[in-house]
């Protein structure tokens, strides 16, 4: 991921919130779980997870199939990419005040 891509993707507060939730959880979460935690519509949240995945800010970890439905799980790549961590730290106060 280029620095320009990272800045564009992480310029969205919800995407930063998703990454913080994944990092703080210390384990993978599904978009359904994240939507429930953040009080958001699943389709909206899934879109943002897909954007984060496209630039490597989250990685898929598992898929569970239940009753004909697949549920994908994702983890943050925060530890592997220091740039993500820098952006999250730099924007934390701003995001808390919103």
Protein backbone atom coordinates (compact mmCIF):
# COMPACT_ATOMS: atom_id res chain seq x y z
CA UNK A 1 0.00 0.00 0.00
CA UNK A 2 1.37 3.40 -0.92
CA UNK A 3 1.39 6.23 1.61
CA UNK A 4 -1.10 8.11 -0.60
CA UNK A 5 -3.52 5.17 -0.55
CA UNK A 6 -3.20 4.87 3.22
CA UNK A 7 -3.97 8.56 3.73
CA UNK A 8 -7.01 8.42 1.43
CA UNK A 9 -8.42 5.29 3.02
CA UNK A 10 -7.78 6.35 6.61
CA UNK A 11 -9.17 9.83 5.98
CA UNK A 12 -12.56 8.30 6.80
CA UNK A 13 -13.35 8.26 10.52
CA UNK A 14 -15.41 5.06 10.36
CA UNK A 15 -12.50 3.17 8.81
CA UNK A 16 -10.26 4.35 11.63
CA UNK A 17 -12.92 3.23 14.14
CA UNK A 18 -13.05 -0.20 12.50
CA UNK A 19 -9.28 -0.57 12.73
CA UNK A 20 -9.24 0.55 16.35
CA UNK A 21 -11.98 -1.96 17.25
CA UNK A 22 -10.12 -4.78 15.50
CA UNK A 23 -6.84 -3.85 17.13
CA UNK A 24 -8.34 -3.40 20.60
CA UNK A 25 -10.16 -6.74 20.33
CA UNK A 26 -6.87 -8.50 19.69
CA UNK A 27 -8.71 -11.03 17.54
CA UNK A 28 -10.52 -11.22 14.24
CA UNK A 29 -14.09 -9.99 13.94
CA UNK A 30 -16.70 -10.33 11.22
CA UNK A 31 -18.38 -7.33 9.59
CA UNK A 32 -21.62 -8.45 11.30
CA UNK A 33 -19.93 -8.29 14.72
CA UNK A 34 -18.34 -4.93 13.94
CA UNK A 35 -21.65 -3.52 12.70
CA UNK A 36 -23.28 -4.53 15.98
CA UNK A 37 -20.45 -3.02 18.04
CA UNK A 38 -20.56 0.26 16.14
CA UNK A 39 -24.34 0.41 15.72
CA UNK A 40 -24.16 0.48 11.93
CA UNK A 41 -25.89 -1.10 8.98
CA UNK A 42 -24.09 -4.28 7.90
CA UNK A 43 -23.96 -3.29 4.22
CA UNK A 44 -22.32 0.06 5.03
CA UNK A 45 -19.80 -1.50 7.35
CA UNK A 46 -18.98 -4.32 4.92
CA UNK A 47 -18.18 -1.72 2.25
CA UNK A 48 -15.63 -0.04 4.52
CA UNK A 49 -14.08 -3.37 5.51
CA UNK A 50 -13.71 -4.17 1.79
CA UNK A 51 -11.92 -0.85 1.23
CA UNK A 52 -9.59 -1.54 4.17
CA UNK A 53 -8.90 -5.02 2.82
CA UNK A 54 -8.13 -3.69 -0.67
CA UNK A 55 -5.25 -1.61 0.69
CA UNK A 56 -4.03 -4.26 3.15
CA UNK A 57 -5.13 -2.51 6.36
CA UNK A 58 -7.10 -5.63 7.34
CA UNK A 59 -6.53 -9.24 6.39
CA UNK A 60 -8.95 -12.13 6.16
CA UNK A 61 -8.42 -14.78 8.82
CA UNK A 62 -11.29 -17.23 8.59
CA UNK A 63 -14.63 -18.00 7.00
CA UNK A 64 -17.42 -19.85 8.78
CA UNK A 65 -20.30 -21.43 6.88
CA UNK A 66 -23.57 -21.74 8.77
CA UNK A 67 -27.06 -22.38 7.40
CA UNK A 68 -25.87 -21.68 3.87
CA UNK A 69 -24.40 -18.31 4.80
CA UNK A 70 -20.70 -17.53 4.93
CA UNK A 71 -19.30 -15.17 7.54
CA UNK A 72 -15.81 -13.80 6.92
CA UNK A 73 -13.51 -12.66 9.72
CA UNK A 74 -10.83 -9.98 9.49
CA UNK A 75 -7.93 -8.80 11.63
CA UNK A 76 -6.07 -5.51 11.63
CA UNK A 77 -2.59 -5.37 10.12
CA UNK A 78 -1.65 -2.60 12.56
CA UNK A 79 1.35 -4.47 13.95
CA UNK A 80 2.69 -5.15 10.46
CA UNK A 81 2.23 -1.60 9.17
CA UNK A 82 3.52 1.18 11.39
CA UNK A 83 1.96 3.80 9.10
CA UNK A 84 -1.52 2.69 10.09
CA UNK A 85 -0.62 2.98 13.76
CA UNK A 86 0.77 6.48 13.27
CA UNK A 87 -2.43 7.65 11.59
CA UNK A 88 -4.60 6.12 14.33
CA UNK A 89 -2.55 7.72 17.11
CA UNK A 90 -2.48 11.11 15.34
CA UNK A 91 -6.28 11.14 14.87
CA UNK A 92 -7.38 9.61 18.18
CA UNK A 93 -8.18 12.88 19.97
CA UNK A 94 -9.97 14.28 16.94
CA UNK A 95 -12.08 11.13 16.59
CA UNK A 96 -12.99 11.05 20.28
CA UNK A 97 -14.22 14.63 20.09
CA UNK A 98 -16.53 13.91 17.15
